[in-house]
Amino acid sequence: METLEEFLVKMDNPDHRSRTREVLEWTEAAFPELEARIAWNQPVFTHHGTFIIGFSTSKKHLAAAPEPAGIDRFAGEITEAGYDYTKQLIRIPWGTPVDFSLLKKIIQFNIEDKADCETFWRK
């Protein structure tokens, strides 16, 4: 699997596919400087070779994975948005609206925080 479209067409649930497409297309449009690719069988966005955010799906939610630093920085806002989270990912239930303003803050934080990062992951 090499493209976002190949990832999407493999999703069985058309509502989940539509929601995931919406989030991926929004990410590409809002952050054209990011490079989209498939890694670990999930969509990943990078900037100058460093990880910014990844997305994955499950039966109950779309997950956003901005690394622990992004989650730690916005934990309060993630909770306010009504999302559950772990150290590694934010769970956005399928029936819940996507808080694109929060997602934008998280992605922008990672781009700025990792501007001088020379590794894929934070150390």
PDB file of N, CA and C in Angstrom:
ATOM      1  N   MET A   1       0.856  -1.173   0.000  1.00  0.00           N
ATOM      2  CA  MET A   1       0.000   0.000   0.000  1.00  0.00           C
ATOM      3  C   MET A   1       0.899   1.232   0.000  1.00  0.00           C
ATOM      4  N   GLU A   2       0.698   2.093  -0.979  1.00  0.00           N
ATOM      5  CA  GLU A   2       1.588   3.235  -1.109  1.00  0.00           C
ATOM      6  C   GLU A   2       0.890   4.587  -1.041  1.00  0.00           C
ATOM      7  N   THR A   3      -0.392   4.648  -1.309  1.00  0.00           N
ATOM      8  CA  THR A   3      -1.057   5.946  -1.348  1.00  0.00           C
ATOM      9  C   THR A   3      -2.207   6.012  -0.342  1.00  0.00           C
ATOM     10  N   LEU A   4      -2.614   7.238  -0.037  1.00  0.00           N
ATOM     11  CA  LEU A   4      -3.747   7.423   0.860  1.00  0.00           C
ATOM     12  C   LEU A   4      -5.005   6.804   0.266  1.00  0.00           C
ATOM     13  N   GLU A   5      -5.171   6.913  -1.034  1.00  0.00           N
ATOM     14  CA  GLU A   5      -6.359   6.355  -1.678  1.00  0.00           C
ATOM     15  C   GLU A   5      -6.394   4.838  -1.521  1.00  0.00           C
ATOM     16  N   GLU A   6      -5.256   4.189  -1.653  1.00  0.00           N
ATOM     17  CA  GLU A   6      -5.206   2.735  -1.465  1.00  0.00           C
ATOM     18  C   GLU A   6      -5.586   2.360  -0.034  1.00  0.00           C
ATOM     19  N   PHE A   7      -5.185   3.189   0.916  1.00  0.00           N
ATOM     20  CA  PHE A   7      -5.571   2.971   2.307  1.00  0.00           C
ATOM     21  C   PHE A   7      -7.083   3.091   2.456  1.00  0.00           C
ATOM     22  N   LEU A   8      -7.649   4.137   1.878  1.00  0.00           N
ATOM     23  CA  LEU A   8      -9.081   4.409   2.025  1.00  0.00           C
ATOM     24  C   LEU A   8      -9.956   3.341   1.380  1.00  0.00           C
ATOM     25  N   VAL A   9      -9.609   2.892   0.196  1.00  0.00           N
ATOM     26  CA  VAL A   9     -10.472   1.928  -0.495  1.00  0.00           C
ATOM     27  C   VAL A   9     -10.527   0.588   0.230  1.00  0.00           C
ATOM     28  N   LYS A  10      -9.591   0.324   1.097  1.00  0.00           N
ATOM     29  CA  LYS A  10      -9.598  -0.930   1.851  1.00  0.00           C
ATOM     30  C   LYS A  10     -10.515  -0.875   3.073  1.00  0.00           C
ATOM     31  N   MET A  11     -11.046   0.308   3.373  1.00  0.00           N
ATOM     32  CA  MET A  11     -11.945   0.440   4.516  1.00  0.00           C
ATOM     33  C   MET A  11     -13.337  -0.054   4.121  1.00  0.00           C
ATOM     34  N   ASP A  12     -13.900  -0.986   4.895  1.00  0.00           N
ATOM     35  CA  ASP A  12     -15.197  -1.578   4.572  1.00  0.00           C
ATOM     36  C   ASP A  12     -16.370  -0.643   4.839  1.00  0.00           C
ATOM     37  N   ASN A  13     -16.320   0.104   5.922  1.00  0.00           N
ATOM     38  CA  ASN A  13     -17.444   0.955   6.312  1.00  0.00           C
ATOM     39  C   ASN A  13     -17.392   2.271   5.531  1.00  0.00           C
ATOM     40  N   PRO A  14     -18.388   2.547   4.692  1.00  0.00           N
ATOM     41  CA  PRO A  14     -18.345   3.763   3.872  1.00  0.00           C
ATOM     42  C   PRO A  14     -18.383   5.055   4.706  1.00  0.00           C
ATOM     43  N   ASP A  15     -19.057   5.039   5.857  1.00  0.00           N
ATOM     44  CA  ASP A  15     -19.078   6.231   6.715  1.00  0.00           C
ATOM     45  C   ASP A  15     -17.705   6.494   7.320  1.00  0.00           C
ATOM     46  N   HIS A  16     -17.042   5.432   7.740  1.00  0.00           N
ATOM     47  CA  HIS A  16     -15.692   5.578   8.300  1.00  0.00           C
ATOM     48  C   HIS A  16     -14.717   6.034   7.218  1.00  0.00           C
ATOM     49  N   ARG A  17     -14.884   5.470   6.021  1.00  0.00           N
ATOM     50  CA  ARG A  17     -14.029   5.862   4.897  1.00  0.00           C
ATOM     51  C   ARG A  17     -14.219   7.341   4.577  1.00  0.00           C
ATOM     52  N   SER A  18     -15.466   7.792   4.560  1.00  0.00           N
ATOM     53  CA  SER A  18     -15.757   9.195   4.259  1.00  0.00           C
ATOM     54  C   SER A  18     -15.160  10.122   5.312  1.00  0.00           C
ATOM     55  N   ARG A  19     -15.320   9.788   6.580  1.00  0.00           N
ATOM     56  CA  ARG A  19     -14.774  10.606   7.665  1.00  0.00           C
ATOM     57  C   ARG A  19     -13.246  10.640   7.603  1.00  0.00           C
ATOM     58  N   THR A  20     -12.647   9.493   7.364  1.00  0.00           N
ATOM     59  CA  THR A  20     -11.183   9.430   7.285  1.00  0.00           C
ATOM     60  C   THR A  20     -10.692  10.235   6.093  1.00  0.00           C
ATOM     61  N   ARG A  21     -11.365  10.114   4.954  1.00  0.00           N
ATOM     62  CA  ARG A  21     -10.999  10.896   3.769  1.00  0.00           C
ATOM     63  C   ARG A  21     -11.079  12.393   4.085  1.00  0.00           C
ATOM     64  N   GLU A  22     -12.142  12.796   4.776  1.00  0.00           N
ATOM     65  CA  GLU A  22     -12.317  14.201   5.143  1.00  0.00           C
ATOM     66  C   GLU A  22     -11.129  14.699   5.973  1.00  0.00           C
ATOM     67  N   VAL A  23     -10.716  13.928   6.948  1.00  0.00           N
ATOM     68  CA  VAL A  23      -9.605  14.334   7.816  1.00  0.00           C
ATOM     69  C   VAL A  23      -8.283  14.359   7.044  1.00  0.00           C
ATOM     70  N   LEU A  24      -8.045  13.356   6.235  1.00  0.00           N
ATOM     71  CA  LEU A  24      -6.794  13.315   5.462  1.00  0.00           C
ATOM     72  C   LEU A  24      -6.731  14.450   4.444  1.00  0.00           C
ATOM     73  N   GLU A  25      -7.825  14.698   3.744  1.00  0.00           N
ATOM     74  CA  GLU A  25      -7.853  15.788   2.766  1.00  0.00           C
ATOM     75  C   GLU A  25      -7.731  17.142   3.453  1.00  0.00           C
ATOM     76  N   TRP A  26      -8.373  17.287   4.598  1.00  0.00           N
ATOM     77  CA  TRP A  26      -8.240  18.534   5.359  1.00  0.00           C
ATOM     78  C   TRP A  26      -6.779  18.748   5.762  1.00  0.00           C
ATOM     79  N   THR A  27      -6.122  17.702   6.241  1.00  0.00           N
ATOM     80  CA  THR A  27      -4.720  17.808   6.655  1.00  0.00           C
ATOM     81  C   THR A  27      -3.848  18.220   5.481  1.00  0.00           C
ATOM     82  N   GLU A  28      -4.058  17.604   4.332  1.00  0.00           N
ATOM     83  CA  GLU A  28      -3.278  17.965   3.142  1.00  0.00           C
ATOM     84  C   GLU A  28      -3.521  19.414   2.728  1.00  0.00           C
ATOM     85  N   ALA A  29      -4.771  19.868   2.792  1.00  0.00           N
ATOM     86  CA  ALA A  29      -5.102  21.239   2.381  1.00  0.00           C
ATOM     87  C   ALA A  29      -4.605  22.264   3.398  1.00  0.00           C
ATOM     88  N   ALA A  30      -4.753  21.965   4.684  1.00  0.00           N
ATOM     89  CA  ALA A  30      -4.354  22.914   5.731  1.00  0.00           C
ATOM     90  C   ALA A  30      -2.838  22.999   5.889  1.00  0.00           C
ATOM     91  N   PHE A  31      -2.145  21.919   5.543  1.00  0.00           N
ATOM     92  CA  PHE A  31      -0.691  21.861   5.718  1.00  0.00           C
ATOM     93  C   PHE A  31      -0.028  21.303   4.457  1.00  0.00           C
ATOM     94  N   PRO A  32      -0.054  22.087   3.375  1.00  0.00           N
ATOM     95  CA  PRO A  32       0.509  21.580   2.123  1.00  0.00           C
ATOM     96  C   PRO A  32       2.015  21.310   2.192  1.00  0.00           C
ATOM     97  N   GLU A  33       2.667  21.831   3.212  1.00  0.00           N
ATOM     98  CA  GLU A  33       4.100  21.586   3.367  1.00  0.00           C
ATOM     99  C   GLU A  33       4.407  20.187   3.892  1.00  0.00           C
ATOM    100  N   LEU A  34       3.389  19.477   4.356  1.00  0.00           N
ATOM    101  CA  LEU A  34       3.590  18.121   4.874  1.00  0.00           C
ATOM    102  C   LEU A  34       3.587  17.112   3.737  1.00  0.00           C
ATOM    103  N   GLU A  35       4.350  16.061   3.932  1.00  0.00           N
ATOM    104  CA  GLU A  35       4.392  14.961   2.976  1.00  0.00           C
ATOM    105  C   GLU A  35       3.537  13.827   3.522  1.00  0.00           C
ATOM    106  N   ALA A  36       2.574  13.371   2.743  1.00  0.00           N
ATOM    107  CA  ALA A  36       1.706  12.260   3.141  1.00  0.00           C
ATOM    108  C   ALA A  36       2.259  10.964   2.569  1.00  0.00           C
ATOM    109  N   ARG A  37       2.204   9.919   3.389  1.00  0.00           N
ATOM    110  CA  ARG A  37       2.605   8.596   2.921  1.00  0.00           C
ATOM    111  C   ARG A  37       1.967   7.545   3.817  1.00  0.00           C
ATOM    112  N   ILE A  38       2.079   6.311   3.398  1.00  0.00           N
ATOM    113  CA  ILE A  38       1.607   5.201   4.203  1.00  0.00           C
ATOM    114  C   ILE A  38       2.822   4.560   4.854  1.00  0.00           C
ATOM    115  N   ALA A  39       2.769   4.424   6.173  1.00  0.00           N
ATOM    116  CA  ALA A  39       3.816   3.743   6.936  1.00  0.00           C
ATOM    117  C   ALA A  39       3.120   2.955   8.038  1.00  0.00           C
ATOM    118  N   TRP A  40       3.577   1.753   8.289  1.00  0.00           N
ATOM    119  CA  TRP A  40       2.938   0.893   9.290  1.00  0.00           C
ATOM    120  C   TRP A  40       1.455   0.706   8.985  1.00  0.00           C
ATOM    121  N   ASN A  41       1.123   0.643   7.691  1.00  0.00           N
ATOM    122  CA  ASN A  41      -0.252   0.450   7.218  1.00  0.00           C
ATOM    123  C   ASN A  41      -1.214   1.546   7.662  1.00  0.00           C
ATOM    124  N   GLN A  42      -0.699   2.756   7.852  1.00  0.00           N
ATOM    125  CA  GLN A  42      -1.557   3.876   8.226  1.00  0.00           C
ATOM    126  C   GLN A  42      -1.026   5.167   7.599  1.00  0.00           C
ATOM    127  N   PRO A  43      -1.909   6.138   7.385  1.00  0.00           N
ATOM    128  CA  PRO A  43      -1.477   7.429   6.844  1.00  0.00           C
ATOM    129  C   PRO A  43      -0.614   8.180   7.854  1.00  0.00           C
ATOM    130  N   VAL A  44       0.495   8.691   7.365  1.00  0.00           N
ATOM    131  CA  VAL A  44       1.455   9.427   8.184  1.00  0.00           C
ATOM    132  C   VAL A  44       1.822  10.711   7.441  1.00  0.00           C
ATOM    133  N   PHE A  45       1.964  11.797   8.190  1.00  0.00           N
ATOM    134  CA  PHE A  45       2.393  13.070   7.610  1.00  0.00           C
ATOM    135  C   PHE A  45       3.725  13.458   8.240  1.00  0.00           C
ATOM    136  N   THR A  46       4.667  13.827   7.377  1.00  0.00           N
ATOM    137  CA  THR A  46       6.005  14.196   7.835  1.00  0.00           C
ATOM    138  C   THR A  46       6.373  15.588   7.323  1.00  0.00           C
ATOM    139  N   HIS A  47       7.398  16.141   7.932  1.00  0.00           N
ATOM    140  CA  HIS A  47       7.940  17.436   7.519  1.00  0.00           C
ATOM    141  C   HIS A  47       9.452  17.335   7.646  1.00  0.00           C
ATOM    142  N   HIS A  48      10.183  17.641   6.614  1.00  0.00           N
ATOM    143  CA  HIS A  48      11.640  17.525   6.526  1.00  0.00           C
ATOM    144  C   HIS A  48      12.151  16.205   7.121  1.00  0.00           C
ATOM    145  N   GLY A  49      11.401  15.124   6.832  1.00  0.00           N
ATOM    146  CA  GLY A  49      11.819  13.794   7.260  1.00  0.00           C
ATOM    147  C   GLY A  49      11.483  13.427   8.695  1.00  0.00           C
ATOM    148  N   THR A  50      10.761  14.291   9.395  1.00  0.00           N
ATOM    149  CA  THR A  50      10.395  13.986  10.769  1.00  0.00           C
ATOM    150  C   THR A  50       8.878  13.792  10.886  1.00  0.00           C
ATOM    151  N   PHE A  51       8.488  12.873  11.734  1.00  0.00           N
ATOM    152  CA  PHE A  51       7.084  12.540  11.943  1.00  0.00           C
ATOM    153  C   PHE A  51       6.336  13.719  12.551  1.00  0.00           C
ATOM    154  N   ILE A  52       5.166  14.035  11.997  1.00  0.00           N
ATOM    155  CA  ILE A  52       4.319  15.098  12.543  1.00  0.00           C
ATOM    156  C   ILE A  52       3.040  14.499  13.122  1.00  0.00           C
ATOM    157  N   ILE A  53       2.330  13.694  12.352  1.00  0.00           N
ATOM    158  CA  ILE A  53       1.105  13.057  12.848  1.00  0.00           C
ATOM    159  C   ILE A  53       0.766  11.847  11.985  1.00  0.00           C
ATOM    160  N   GLY A  54       0.156  10.865  12.619  1.00  0.00           N
ATOM    161  CA  GLY A  54      -0.336   9.696  11.903  1.00  0.00           C
ATOM    162  C   GLY A  54      -1.792   9.467  12.272  1.00  0.00           C
ATOM    163  N   PHE A  55      -2.502   8.739  11.438  1.00  0.00           N
ATOM    164  CA  PHE A  55      -3.897   8.425  11.682  1.00  0.00           C
ATOM    165  C   PHE A  55      -4.100   6.928  11.515  1.00  0.00           C
ATOM    166  N   SER A  56      -5.001   6.383  12.302  1.00  0.00           N
ATOM    167  CA  SER A  56      -5.370   4.982  12.165  1.00  0.00           C
ATOM    168  C   SER A  56      -6.854   4.852  12.475  1.00  0.00           C
ATOM    169  N   THR A  57      -7.402   3.711  12.121  1.00  0.00           N
ATOM    170  CA  THR A  57      -8.832   3.501  12.335  1.00  0.00           C
ATOM    171  C   THR A  57      -9.057   2.210  13.111  1.00  0.00           C
ATOM    172  N   SER A  58     -10.163   2.198  13.826  1.00  0.00           N
ATOM    173  CA  SER A  58     -10.618   0.984  14.495  1.00  0.00           C
ATOM    174  C   SER A  58     -12.127   0.927  14.362  1.00  0.00           C
ATOM    175  N   LYS A  59     -12.724  -0.086  14.913  1.00  0.00           N
ATOM    176  CA  LYS A  59     -14.169  -0.254  14.833  1.00  0.00           C
ATOM    177  C   LYS A  59     -14.912   0.916  15.471  1.00  0.00           C
ATOM    178  N   LYS A  60     -14.344   1.495  16.537  1.00  0.00           N
ATOM    179  CA  LYS A  60     -15.038   2.521  17.303  1.00  0.00           C
ATOM    180  C   LYS A  60     -14.576   3.953  17.055  1.00  0.00           C
ATOM    181  N   HIS A  61     -13.393   4.136  16.454  1.00  0.00           N
ATOM    182  CA  HIS A  61     -12.886   5.503  16.350  1.00  0.00           C
ATOM    183  C   HIS A  61     -11.821   5.666  15.267  1.00  0.00           C
ATOM    184  N   LEU A  62     -11.609   6.932  14.946  1.00  0.00           N
ATOM    185  CA  LEU A  62     -10.459   7.372  14.165  1.00  0.00           C
ATOM    186  C   LEU A  62      -9.441   7.842  15.190  1.00  0.00           C
ATOM    187  N   ALA A  63      -8.214   7.413  15.069  1.00  0.00           N
ATOM    188  CA  ALA A  63      -7.187   7.819  16.020  1.00  0.00           C
ATOM    189  C   ALA A  63      -6.191   8.749  15.351  1.00  0.00           C
ATOM    190  N   ALA A  64      -5.803   9.784  16.091  1.00  0.00           N
ATOM    191  CA  ALA A  64      -4.741  10.697  15.665  1.00  0.00           C
ATOM    192  C   ALA A  64      -3.566  10.461  16.607  1.00  0.00           C
ATOM    193  N   ALA A  65      -2.383  10.313  16.039  1.00  0.00           N
ATOM    194  CA  ALA A  65      -1.195  10.031  16.841  1.00  0.00           C
ATOM    195  C   ALA A  65      -0.134  11.107  16.584  1.00  0.00           C
ATOM    196  N   PRO A  66      -0.065  12.123  17.451  1.00  0.00           N
ATOM    197  CA  PRO A  66       0.906  13.204  17.253  1.00  0.00           C
ATOM    198  C   PRO A  66       2.185  13.067  18.084  1.00  0.00           C
ATOM    199  N   GLU A  67       2.488  11.893  18.606  1.00  0.00           N
ATOM    200  CA  GLU A  67       3.566  11.648  19.565  1.00  0.00           C
ATOM    201  C   GLU A  67       3.137  12.183  20.934  1.00  0.00           C
ATOM    202  N   PRO A  68       3.702  11.658  21.999  1.00  0.00           N
ATOM    203  CA  PRO A  68       3.298  12.083  23.351  1.00  0.00           C
ATOM    204  C   PRO A  68       3.418  13.584  23.621  1.00  0.00           C
ATOM    205  N   ALA A  69       4.396  14.254  23.048  1.00  0.00           N
ATOM    206  CA  ALA A  69       4.559  15.695  23.304  1.00  0.00           C
ATOM    207  C   ALA A  69       3.335  16.481  22.849  1.00  0.00           C
ATOM    208  N   GLY A  70       2.763  16.115  21.721  1.00  0.00           N
ATOM    209  CA  GLY A  70       1.573  16.791  21.220  1.00  0.00           C
ATOM    210  C   GLY A  70       0.353  16.511  22.083  1.00  0.00           C
ATOM    211  N   ILE A  71       0.262  15.312  22.582  1.00  0.00           N
ATOM    212  CA  ILE A  71      -0.851  14.961  23.465  1.00  0.00           C
ATOM    213  C   ILE A  71      -0.694  15.660  24.810  1.00  0.00           C
ATOM    214  N   ASP A  72       0.509  15.616  25.372  1.00  0.00           N
ATOM    215  CA  ASP A  72       0.757  16.269  26.663  1.00  0.00           C
ATOM    216  C   ASP A  72       0.438  17.757  26.597  1.00  0.00           C
ATOM    217  N   ARG A  73       0.855  18.412  25.539  1.00  0.00           N
ATOM    218  CA  ARG A  73       0.675  19.861  25.404  1.00  0.00           C
ATOM    219  C   ARG A  73      -0.803  20.249  25.345  1.00  0.00           C
ATOM    220  N   PHE A  74      -1.635  19.398  24.752  1.00  0.00           N
ATOM    221  CA  PHE A  74      -3.041  19.741  24.532  1.00  0.00           C
ATOM    222  C   PHE A  74      -4.011  18.834  25.293  1.00  0.00           C
ATOM    223  N   ALA A  75      -3.557  18.161  26.326  1.00  0.00           N
ATOM    224  CA  ALA A  75      -4.395  17.200  27.058  1.00  0.00           C
ATOM    225  C   ALA A  75      -5.712  17.817  27.524  1.00  0.00           C
ATOM    226  N   GLY A  76      -5.662  19.003  28.074  1.00  0.00           N
ATOM    227  CA  GLY A  76      -6.885  19.658  28.548  1.00  0.00           C
ATOM    228  C   GLY A  76      -7.865  19.908  27.424  1.00  0.00           C
ATOM    229  N   GLU A  77      -7.370  20.398  26.294  1.00  0.00           N
ATOM    230  CA  GLU A  77      -8.246  20.684  25.155  1.00  0.00           C
ATOM    231  C   GLU A  77      -8.777  19.400  24.516  1.00  0.00           C
ATOM    232  N   ILE A  78      -7.982  18.353  24.570  1.00  0.00           N
ATOM    233  CA  ILE A  78      -8.435  17.062  24.045  1.00  0.00           C
ATOM    234  C   ILE A  78      -9.619  16.566  24.875  1.00  0.00           C
ATOM    235  N   THR A  79      -9.487  16.675  26.178  1.00  0.00           N
ATOM    236  CA  THR A  79     -10.576  16.275  27.073  1.00  0.00           C
ATOM    237  C   THR A  79     -11.805  17.163  26.866  1.00  0.00           C
ATOM    238  N   GLU A  80     -11.596  18.469  26.745  1.00  0.00           N
ATOM    239  CA  GLU A  80     -12.706  19.403  26.507  1.00  0.00           C
ATOM    240  C   GLU A  80     -13.449  19.090  25.214  1.00  0.00           C
ATOM    241  N   ALA A  81     -12.716  18.597  24.230  1.00  0.00           N
ATOM    242  CA  ALA A  81     -13.343  18.243  22.946  1.00  0.00           C
ATOM    243  C   ALA A  81     -14.168  16.960  23.063  1.00  0.00           C
ATOM    244  N   GLY A  82     -14.035  16.271  24.190  1.00  0.00           N
ATOM    245  CA  GLY A  82     -14.794  15.041  24.396  1.00  0.00           C
ATOM    246  C   GLY A  82     -14.095  13.796  23.903  1.00  0.00           C
ATOM    247  N   TYR A  83     -12.792  13.894  23.675  1.00  0.00           N
ATOM    248  CA  TYR A  83     -12.033  12.757  23.172  1.00  0.00           C
ATOM    249  C   TYR A  83     -11.288  12.070  24.313  1.00  0.00           C
ATOM    250  N   ASP A  84     -11.146  10.774  24.188  1.00  0.00           N
ATOM    251  CA  ASP A  84     -10.324   9.977  25.084  1.00  0.00           C
ATOM    252  C   ASP A  84      -8.925   9.937  24.479  1.00  0.00           C
ATOM    253  N   TYR A  85      -7.917   9.773  25.313  1.00  0.00           N
ATOM    254  CA  TYR A  85      -6.568   9.689  24.775  1.00  0.00           C
ATOM    255  C   TYR A  85      -5.690   8.807  25.644  1.00  0.00           C
ATOM    256  N   THR A  86      -4.600   8.351  25.043  1.00  0.00           N
ATOM    257  CA  THR A  86      -3.566   7.598  25.744  1.00  0.00           C
ATOM    258  C   THR A  86      -2.266   8.374  25.562  1.00  0.00           C
ATOM    259  N   LYS A  87      -1.190   7.812  25.995  1.00  0.00           N
ATOM    260  CA  LYS A  87       0.110   8.446  25.824  1.00  0.00           C
ATOM    261  C   LYS A  87       0.464   8.618  24.332  1.00  0.00           C
ATOM    262  N   GLN A  88      -0.070   7.722  23.503  1.00  0.00           N
ATOM    263  CA  GLN A  88       0.318   7.701  22.089  1.00  0.00           C
ATOM    264  C   GLN A  88      -0.735   8.190  21.100  1.00  0.00           C
ATOM    265  N   LEU A  89      -2.024   8.196  21.492  1.00  0.00           N
ATOM    266  CA  LEU A  89      -3.027   8.558  20.494  1.00  0.00           C
ATOM    267  C   LEU A  89      -4.271   9.194  21.099  1.00  0.00           C
ATOM    268  N   ILE A  90      -4.980   9.886  20.229  1.00  0.00           N
ATOM    269  CA  ILE A  90      -6.247  10.542  20.561  1.00  0.00           C
ATOM    270  C   ILE A  90      -7.338   9.769  19.829  1.00  0.00           C
ATOM    271  N   ARG A  91      -8.375   9.369  20.565  1.00  0.00           N
ATOM    272  CA  ARG A  91      -9.478   8.622  19.959  1.00  0.00           C
ATOM    273  C   ARG A  91     -10.643   9.560  19.654  1.00  0.00           C
ATOM    274  N   ILE A  92     -10.991   9.651  18.380  1.00  0.00           N
ATOM    275  CA  ILE A  92     -12.117  10.476  17.935  1.00  0.00           C
ATOM    276  C   ILE A  92     -13.235   9.517  17.530  1.00  0.00           C
ATOM    277  N   PRO A  93     -14.239   9.340  18.393  1.00  0.00           N
ATOM    278  CA  PRO A  93     -15.311   8.388  18.065  1.00  0.00           C
ATOM    279  C   PRO A  93     -15.965   8.734  16.722  1.00  0.00           C
ATOM    280  N   TRP A  94     -16.371   7.706  16.005  1.00  0.00           N
ATOM    281  CA  TRP A  94     -16.946   7.913  14.682  1.00  0.00           C
ATOM    282  C   TRP A  94     -18.147   8.841  14.702  1.00  0.00           C
ATOM    283  N   GLY A  95     -18.958   8.810  15.734  1.00  0.00           N
ATOM    284  CA  GLY A  95     -20.153   9.644  15.775  1.00  0.00           C
ATOM    285  C   GLY A  95     -19.931  11.049  16.302  1.00  0.00           C
ATOM    286  N   THR A  96     -18.700  11.377  16.630  1.00  0.00           N
ATOM    287  CA  THR A  96     -18.364  12.678  17.209  1.00  0.00           C
ATOM    288  C   THR A  96     -17.746  13.580  16.141  1.00  0.00           C
ATOM    289  N   PRO A  97     -18.114  14.858  16.100  1.00  0.00           N
ATOM    290  CA  PRO A  97     -17.486  15.770  15.125  1.00  0.00           C
ATOM    291  C   PRO A  97     -15.976  15.879  15.364  1.00  0.00           C
ATOM    292  N   VAL A  98     -15.254  16.087  14.292  1.00  0.00           N
ATOM    293  CA  VAL A  98     -13.812  16.304  14.400  1.00  0.00           C
ATOM    294  C   VAL A  98     -13.584  17.767  14.762  1.00  0.00           C
ATOM    295  N   ASP A  99     -12.817  18.005  15.798  1.00  0.00           N
ATOM    296  CA  ASP A  99     -12.458  19.369  16.203  1.00  0.00           C
ATOM    297  C   ASP A  99     -11.228  19.779  15.380  1.00  0.00           C
ATOM    298  N   PHE A 100     -11.490  20.324  14.192  1.00  0.00           N
ATOM    299  CA  PHE A 100     -10.396  20.665  13.292  1.00  0.00           C
ATOM    300  C   PHE A 100      -9.520  21.791  13.842  1.00  0.00           C
ATOM    301  N   SER A 101     -10.083  22.684  14.633  1.00  0.00           N
ATOM    302  CA  SER A 101      -9.249  23.749  15.209  1.00  0.00           C
ATOM    303  C   SER A 101      -8.243  23.159  16.190  1.00  0.00           C
ATOM    304  N   LEU A 102      -8.638  22.163  16.957  1.00  0.00           N
ATOM    305  CA  LEU A 102      -7.712  21.490  17.871  1.00  0.00           C
ATOM    306  C   LEU A 102      -6.674  20.703  17.090  1.00  0.00           C
ATOM    307  N   LEU A 103      -7.112  19.989  16.077  1.00  0.00           N
ATOM    308  CA  LEU A 103      -6.186  19.223  15.247  1.00  0.00           C
ATOM    309  C   LEU A 103      -5.158  20.155  14.608  1.00  0.00           C
ATOM    310  N   LYS A 104      -5.604  21.318  14.177  1.00  0.00           N
ATOM    311  CA  LYS A 104      -4.690  22.295  13.581  1.00  0.00           C
ATOM    312  C   LYS A 104      -3.640  22.752  14.597  1.00  0.00           C
ATOM    313  N   LYS A 105      -4.057  23.023  15.826  1.00  0.00           N
ATOM    314  CA  LYS A 105      -3.111  23.442  16.868  1.00  0.00           C
ATOM    315  C   LYS A 105      -2.064  22.362  17.139  1.00  0.00           C
ATOM    316  N   ILE A 106      -2.524  21.123  17.200  1.00  0.00           N
ATOM    317  CA  ILE A 106      -1.613  20.013  17.488  1.00  0.00           C
ATOM    318  C   ILE A 106      -0.594  19.842  16.372  1.00  0.00           C
ATOM    319  N   ILE A 107      -1.061  19.868  15.134  1.00  0.00           N
ATOM    320  CA  ILE A 107      -0.150  19.705  13.994  1.00  0.00           C
ATOM    321  C   ILE A 107       0.819  20.880  13.924  1.00  0.00           C
ATOM    322  N   GLN A 108       0.322  22.099  14.091  1.00  0.00           N
ATOM    323  CA  GLN A 108       1.189  23.280  14.053  1.00  0.00           C
ATOM    324  C   GLN A 108       2.231  23.217  15.161  1.00  0.00           C
ATOM    325  N   PHE A 109       1.822  22.787  16.352  1.00  0.00           N
ATOM    326  CA  PHE A 109       2.761  22.622  17.460  1.00  0.00           C
ATOM    327  C   PHE A 109       3.883  21.661  17.074  1.00  0.00           C
ATOM    328  N   ASN A 110       3.528  20.518  16.493  1.00  0.00           N
ATOM    329  CA  ASN A 110       4.552  19.549  16.121  1.00  0.00           C
ATOM    330  C   ASN A 110       5.487  20.090  15.048  1.00  0.00           C
ATOM    331  N   ILE A 111       4.945  20.801  14.069  1.00  0.00           N
ATOM    332  CA  ILE A 111       5.799  21.379  13.027  1.00  0.00           C
ATOM    333  C   ILE A 111       6.803  22.352  13.645  1.00  0.00           C
ATOM    334  N   GLU A 112       6.316  23.225  14.514  1.00  0.00           N
ATOM    335  CA  GLU A 112       7.191  24.221  15.140  1.00  0.00           C
ATOM    336  C   GLU A 112       8.152  23.585  16.139  1.00  0.00           C
ATOM    337  N   ASP A 113       7.642  22.674  16.960  1.00  0.00           N
ATOM    338  CA  ASP A 113       8.467  22.050  17.990  1.00  0.00           C
ATOM    339  C   ASP A 113       9.560  21.169  17.390  1.00  0.00           C
ATOM    340  N   LYS A 114       9.307  20.622  16.221  1.00  0.00           N
ATOM    341  CA  LYS A 114      10.273  19.724  15.586  1.00  0.00           C
ATOM    342  C   LYS A 114      11.015  20.390  14.420  1.00  0.00           C
ATOM    343  N   ALA A 115      10.991  21.698  14.369  1.00  0.00           N
ATOM    344  CA  ALA A 115      11.624  22.422  13.259  1.00  0.00           C
ATOM    345  C   ALA A 115      13.101  22.072  13.111  1.00  0.00           C
ATOM    346  N   ASP A 116      13.774  21.875  14.212  1.00  0.00           N
ATOM    347  CA  ASP A 116      15.205  21.554  14.163  1.00  0.00           C
ATOM    348  C   ASP A 116      15.481  20.073  14.404  1.00  0.00           C
ATOM    349  N   CYS A 117      14.449  19.280  14.442  1.00  0.00           N
ATOM    350  CA  CYS A 117      14.603  17.848  14.702  1.00  0.00           C
ATOM    351  C   CYS A 117      15.214  17.167  13.482  1.00  0.00           C
ATOM    352  N   GLU A 118      16.230  16.378  13.728  1.00  0.00           N
ATOM    353  CA  GLU A 118      16.903  15.678  12.639  1.00  0.00           C
ATOM    354  C   GLU A 118      16.614  14.185  12.637  1.00  0.00           C
ATOM    355  N   THR A 119      15.694  13.754  13.499  1.00  0.00           N
ATOM    356  CA  THR A 119      15.323  12.350  13.569  1.00  0.00           C
ATOM    357  C   THR A 119      13.839  12.208  13.251  1.00  0.00           C
ATOM    358  N   PHE A 120      13.427  11.007  12.940  1.00  0.00           N
ATOM    359  CA  PHE A 120      12.013  10.780  12.629  1.00  0.00           C
ATOM    360  C   PHE A 120      11.150  10.982  13.862  1.00  0.00           C
ATOM    361  N   TRP A 121      11.543  10.379  14.974  1.00  0.00           N
ATOM    362  CA  TRP A 121      10.828  10.518  16.240  1.00  0.00           C
ATOM    363  C   TRP A 121      11.573  11.455  17.154  1.00  0.00           C
ATOM    364  N   ARG A 122      10.877  12.061  18.102  1.00  0.00           N
ATOM    365  CA  ARG A 122      11.554  12.841  19.147  1.00  0.00           C
ATOM    366  C   ARG A 122      12.419  11.897  19.968  1.00  0.00           C
ATOM    367  N   LYS A 123      13.488  12.406  20.483  1.00  0.00           N
ATOM    368  CA  LYS A 123      14.356  11.580  21.338  1.00  0.00           C
ATOM    369  C   LYS A 123      13.870  11.609  22.760  1.00  0.00           C
TER     370      LYS A 123
END
